[in-house]
Every structure is written in C-alpha cells, then in structure tokens.
Amino acid sequence: MRKEYDFSKAQRGSVAKANGKSRITIYIDDDILEAYRKKGDELGRGYQTLINEALRESLVKKAAVDARTIRRIVREELEKAG
C-alpha cells in the first residue's frame, strides 16, 4: 500500500455508471415479482432483465385482435342492432 494517494481527480458517486439505465423506485405486486424471480431462476437470467424485456415488448408490440375479441365485438354490435 502507498503512503499517499492522489484524490485530486476523484469523483463522488458510483464506481461504474450503467450507461442507458436509470435507478428508480417502483412498486410491483408481490405475486408478479415472485413470478419473475422464479422465471429468472428457471432461465438462469436476472428477474430485472426479464421485467425490462416485458416492458420493452409491450411498447413495441402492436395490439393484435384475437378471435375471442372479434366474437365479443360482433355480439355487442348485434345486440345494439337488435
């Protein structure tokens, strides 16, 4: 160990910045969090990464109308038409 260290260029804060990421506080339902933790363990990946991927997918995924939704809409319209 040195007797003296030069801290003139030192900065306060985290040692390594995570570029493109922000630390936030968010409340997630316990059952959702537990499901992602379990899924992360099964896949050998981090649960936060899985949550991030799910959020990203929800932003880019276009809403697809499935057969069940179409049936519901048709029934509603037929009821309105009498």
N, C-alpha and C. Protein backbone atom coordinates (compact mmCIF):
# COMPACT_ATOMS: atom_id res chain seq x y z
N MET A 1 0.83 -1.18 0.00
CA MET A 1 0.00 0.00 0.00
C MET A 1 0.87 1.24 0.00
N ARG A 2 0.42 2.24 -0.72
CA ARG A 2 1.15 3.51 -0.75
C ARG A 2 0.90 4.29 0.53
N LYS A 3 1.82 5.16 0.84
CA LYS A 3 1.62 6.01 2.00
C LYS A 3 0.66 7.15 1.68
N GLU A 4 0.67 7.60 0.41
CA GLU A 4 -0.23 8.68 0.00
C GLU A 4 -0.87 8.35 -1.35
N TYR A 5 -2.09 8.79 -1.51
CA TYR A 5 -2.82 8.60 -2.76
C TYR A 5 -3.27 9.96 -3.28
N ASP A 6 -3.34 10.11 -4.61
CA ASP A 6 -3.77 11.36 -5.22
C ASP A 6 -5.27 11.27 -5.53
N PHE A 7 -6.06 11.99 -4.78
CA PHE A 7 -7.50 12.01 -4.98
C PHE A 7 -7.97 13.31 -5.66
N SER A 8 -7.05 14.05 -6.28
CA SER A 8 -7.41 15.34 -6.87
C SER A 8 -8.40 15.19 -8.03
N LYS A 9 -8.40 14.06 -8.72
CA LYS A 9 -9.32 13.85 -9.84
C LYS A 9 -10.47 12.90 -9.47
N ALA A 10 -10.61 12.62 -8.22
CA ALA A 10 -11.65 11.69 -7.76
C ALA A 10 -13.02 12.34 -7.85
N GLN A 11 -14.03 11.50 -8.02
CA GLN A 11 -15.41 11.97 -8.07
C GLN A 11 -16.25 11.16 -7.10
N ARG A 12 -17.24 11.82 -6.52
CA ARG A 12 -18.18 11.10 -5.66
C ARG A 12 -19.17 10.35 -6.52
N GLY A 13 -19.73 9.30 -5.97
CA GLY A 13 -20.76 8.57 -6.69
C GLY A 13 -20.37 7.13 -6.92
N SER A 14 -21.15 6.49 -7.79
CA SER A 14 -20.92 5.08 -8.05
C SER A 14 -19.60 4.88 -8.79
N VAL A 15 -19.03 3.70 -8.62
CA VAL A 15 -17.75 3.38 -9.23
C VAL A 15 -17.90 3.29 -10.75
N ALA A 16 -18.91 2.60 -11.21
CA ALA A 16 -19.14 2.44 -12.64
C ALA A 16 -20.57 2.83 -12.98
N LYS A 17 -20.72 3.73 -13.91
CA LYS A 17 -22.06 4.14 -14.32
C LYS A 17 -22.64 3.11 -15.28
N ALA A 18 -23.92 2.86 -15.14
CA ALA A 18 -24.62 1.96 -16.05
C ALA A 18 -25.20 2.82 -17.16
N ASN A 19 -24.53 2.87 -18.29
CA ASN A 19 -24.99 3.69 -19.41
C ASN A 19 -26.32 3.18 -19.94
N GLY A 20 -27.25 4.12 -20.15
CA GLY A 20 -28.54 3.76 -20.69
C GLY A 20 -29.51 3.20 -19.67
N LYS A 21 -29.17 3.27 -18.40
CA LYS A 21 -30.05 2.74 -17.36
C LYS A 21 -30.24 3.80 -16.27
N SER A 22 -31.39 3.76 -15.63
CA SER A 22 -31.69 4.68 -14.54
C SER A 22 -32.17 3.89 -13.34
N ARG A 23 -31.74 4.31 -12.17
CA ARG A 23 -32.19 3.69 -10.93
C ARG A 23 -33.46 4.41 -10.50
N ILE A 24 -34.55 3.64 -10.31
CA ILE A 24 -35.83 4.21 -9.88
C ILE A 24 -36.41 3.35 -8.77
N THR A 25 -37.41 3.88 -8.13
CA THR A 25 -38.18 3.11 -7.17
C THR A 25 -39.54 2.87 -7.78
N ILE A 26 -39.98 1.61 -7.78
CA ILE A 26 -41.25 1.26 -8.39
C ILE A 26 -41.91 0.19 -7.51
N TYR A 27 -43.23 0.28 -7.38
CA TYR A 27 -43.96 -0.72 -6.62
C TYR A 27 -44.54 -1.73 -7.59
N ILE A 28 -44.23 -3.00 -7.38
CA ILE A 28 -44.73 -4.10 -8.20
C ILE A 28 -45.44 -5.07 -7.27
N ASP A 29 -46.58 -5.57 -7.71
CA ASP A 29 -47.32 -6.53 -6.88
C ASP A 29 -46.43 -7.72 -6.54
N ASP A 30 -46.60 -8.20 -5.30
CA ASP A 30 -45.74 -9.30 -4.81
C ASP A 30 -45.81 -10.54 -5.69
N ASP A 31 -47.03 -10.87 -6.15
CA ASP A 31 -47.16 -12.08 -6.96
C ASP A 31 -46.45 -11.95 -8.31
N ILE A 32 -46.49 -10.75 -8.88
CA ILE A 32 -45.80 -10.52 -10.15
C ILE A 32 -44.29 -10.62 -9.96
N LEU A 33 -43.80 -9.98 -8.91
CA LEU A 33 -42.36 -10.01 -8.64
C LEU A 33 -41.88 -11.43 -8.39
N GLU A 34 -42.63 -12.18 -7.60
CA GLU A 34 -42.26 -13.56 -7.30
C GLU A 34 -42.24 -14.41 -8.57
N ALA A 35 -43.23 -14.19 -9.45
CA ALA A 35 -43.28 -14.94 -10.71
C ALA A 35 -42.05 -14.65 -11.58
N TYR A 36 -41.65 -13.38 -11.66
CA TYR A 36 -40.47 -13.04 -12.45
C TYR A 36 -39.19 -13.56 -11.81
N ARG A 37 -39.12 -13.55 -10.49
CA ARG A 37 -37.94 -14.12 -9.83
C ARG A 37 -37.83 -15.62 -10.10
N LYS A 38 -38.97 -16.31 -10.02
CA LYS A 38 -38.98 -17.74 -10.28
C LYS A 38 -38.60 -18.03 -11.73
N LYS A 39 -39.19 -17.28 -12.65
CA LYS A 39 -38.89 -17.45 -14.07
C LYS A 39 -37.42 -17.16 -14.34
N GLY A 40 -36.87 -16.15 -13.69
CA GLY A 40 -35.46 -15.81 -13.85
C GLY A 40 -34.55 -16.93 -13.37
N ASP A 41 -34.92 -17.53 -12.24
CA ASP A 41 -34.15 -18.67 -11.72
C ASP A 41 -34.19 -19.85 -12.68
N GLU A 42 -35.38 -20.11 -13.23
CA GLU A 42 -35.53 -21.23 -14.16
C GLU A 42 -34.71 -21.03 -15.43
N LEU A 43 -34.67 -19.78 -15.90
CA LEU A 43 -33.96 -19.48 -17.15
C LEU A 43 -32.49 -19.14 -16.93
N GLY A 44 -32.10 -18.97 -15.66
CA GLY A 44 -30.73 -18.59 -15.37
C GLY A 44 -30.43 -17.15 -15.76
N ARG A 45 -31.45 -16.30 -15.66
CA ARG A 45 -31.31 -14.89 -16.01
C ARG A 45 -31.84 -14.05 -14.87
N GLY A 46 -31.51 -12.78 -14.87
CA GLY A 46 -31.98 -11.89 -13.83
C GLY A 46 -33.44 -11.50 -14.02
N TYR A 47 -34.16 -11.43 -12.91
CA TYR A 47 -35.58 -11.09 -12.99
C TYR A 47 -35.78 -9.66 -13.48
N GLN A 48 -34.86 -8.76 -13.15
CA GLN A 48 -34.99 -7.38 -13.60
C GLN A 48 -34.85 -7.30 -15.12
N THR A 49 -33.98 -8.12 -15.68
CA THR A 49 -33.82 -8.16 -17.12
C THR A 49 -35.10 -8.65 -17.77
N LEU A 50 -35.72 -9.67 -17.19
CA LEU A 50 -36.97 -10.19 -17.74
C LEU A 50 -38.09 -9.15 -17.67
N ILE A 51 -38.18 -8.42 -16.57
CA ILE A 51 -39.19 -7.37 -16.44
C ILE A 51 -38.93 -6.28 -17.47
N ASN A 52 -37.67 -5.90 -17.65
CA ASN A 52 -37.30 -4.88 -18.62
C ASN A 52 -37.69 -5.32 -20.04
N GLU A 53 -37.43 -6.58 -20.37
CA GLU A 53 -37.80 -7.10 -21.69
C GLU A 53 -39.31 -7.09 -21.89
N ALA A 54 -40.07 -7.45 -20.85
CA ALA A 54 -41.52 -7.45 -20.94
C ALA A 54 -42.05 -6.04 -21.16
N LEU A 55 -41.49 -5.08 -20.47
CA LEU A 55 -41.91 -3.68 -20.64
C LEU A 55 -41.57 -3.19 -22.05
N ARG A 56 -40.37 -3.52 -22.53
CA ARG A 56 -39.97 -3.11 -23.87
C ARG A 56 -40.89 -3.72 -24.93
N GLU A 57 -41.21 -5.00 -24.76
CA GLU A 57 -42.08 -5.69 -25.70
C GLU A 57 -43.47 -5.05 -25.73
N SER A 58 -43.96 -4.64 -24.56
CA SER A 58 -45.29 -4.03 -24.51
C SER A 58 -45.32 -2.68 -25.22
N LEU A 59 -44.18 -2.02 -25.33
CA LEU A 59 -44.12 -0.74 -26.02
C LEU A 59 -44.12 -0.90 -27.54
N VAL A 60 -43.48 -1.94 -28.03
CA VAL A 60 -43.35 -2.11 -29.48
C VAL A 60 -44.38 -3.05 -30.07
N LYS A 61 -45.01 -3.85 -29.25
CA LYS A 61 -45.97 -4.83 -29.73
C LYS A 61 -47.27 -4.14 -30.12
N LYS A 62 -47.71 -4.39 -31.32
CA LYS A 62 -48.98 -3.84 -31.76
C LYS A 62 -50.09 -4.74 -31.25
N ALA A 63 -51.17 -4.12 -30.85
CA ALA A 63 -52.29 -4.88 -30.30
C ALA A 63 -52.91 -5.75 -31.38
N ALA A 64 -52.84 -7.03 -31.18
CA ALA A 64 -53.44 -7.97 -32.12
C ALA A 64 -54.83 -8.33 -31.63
N VAL A 65 -55.77 -8.36 -32.53
CA VAL A 65 -57.13 -8.71 -32.17
C VAL A 65 -57.31 -10.21 -32.40
N ASP A 66 -57.61 -10.91 -31.33
CA ASP A 66 -57.78 -12.36 -31.45
C ASP A 66 -59.26 -12.69 -31.72
N ALA A 67 -59.52 -13.95 -32.01
CA ALA A 67 -60.87 -14.40 -32.37
C ALA A 67 -61.86 -14.14 -31.25
N ARG A 68 -61.43 -14.31 -30.03
CA ARG A 68 -62.31 -14.10 -28.88
C ARG A 68 -62.79 -12.65 -28.81
N THR A 69 -61.87 -11.73 -29.06
CA THR A 69 -62.21 -10.31 -29.03
C THR A 69 -63.17 -9.97 -30.17
N ILE A 70 -62.90 -10.53 -31.35
CA ILE A 70 -63.77 -10.26 -32.50
C ILE A 70 -65.19 -10.76 -32.22
N ARG A 71 -65.32 -11.96 -31.63
CA ARG A 71 -66.63 -12.51 -31.29
C ARG A 71 -67.37 -11.60 -30.32
N ARG A 72 -66.64 -11.12 -29.32
CA ARG A 72 -67.26 -10.23 -28.33
C ARG A 72 -67.77 -8.95 -28.99
N ILE A 73 -66.97 -8.38 -29.86
CA ILE A 73 -67.36 -7.13 -30.54
C ILE A 73 -68.57 -7.38 -31.43
N VAL A 74 -68.57 -8.49 -32.17
CA VAL A 74 -69.70 -8.81 -33.05
C VAL A 74 -70.98 -8.99 -32.24
N ARG A 75 -70.89 -9.72 -31.09
CA ARG A 75 -72.06 -9.91 -30.23
C ARG A 75 -72.59 -8.56 -29.74
N GLU A 76 -71.69 -7.69 -29.30
CA GLU A 76 -72.11 -6.38 -28.81
C GLU A 76 -72.81 -5.58 -29.91
N GLU A 77 -72.25 -5.61 -31.10
CA GLU A 77 -72.84 -4.87 -32.21
C GLU A 77 -74.20 -5.45 -32.63
N LEU A 78 -74.32 -6.78 -32.61
CA LEU A 78 -75.59 -7.40 -32.95
C LEU A 78 -76.67 -7.06 -31.93
N GLU A 79 -76.30 -7.01 -30.65
CA GLU A 79 -77.25 -6.63 -29.61
C GLU A 79 -77.73 -5.20 -29.81
N LYS A 80 -76.81 -4.32 -30.20
CA LYS A 80 -77.17 -2.92 -30.43
C LYS A 80 -78.12 -2.79 -31.62
N ALA A 81 -77.87 -3.61 -32.65
CA ALA A 81 -78.68 -3.55 -33.86
C ALA A 81 -80.07 -4.14 -33.64
N GLY A 82 -80.19 -4.97 -32.63
CA GLY A 82 -81.49 -5.53 -32.27
C GLY A 82 -81.82 -6.72 -33.06
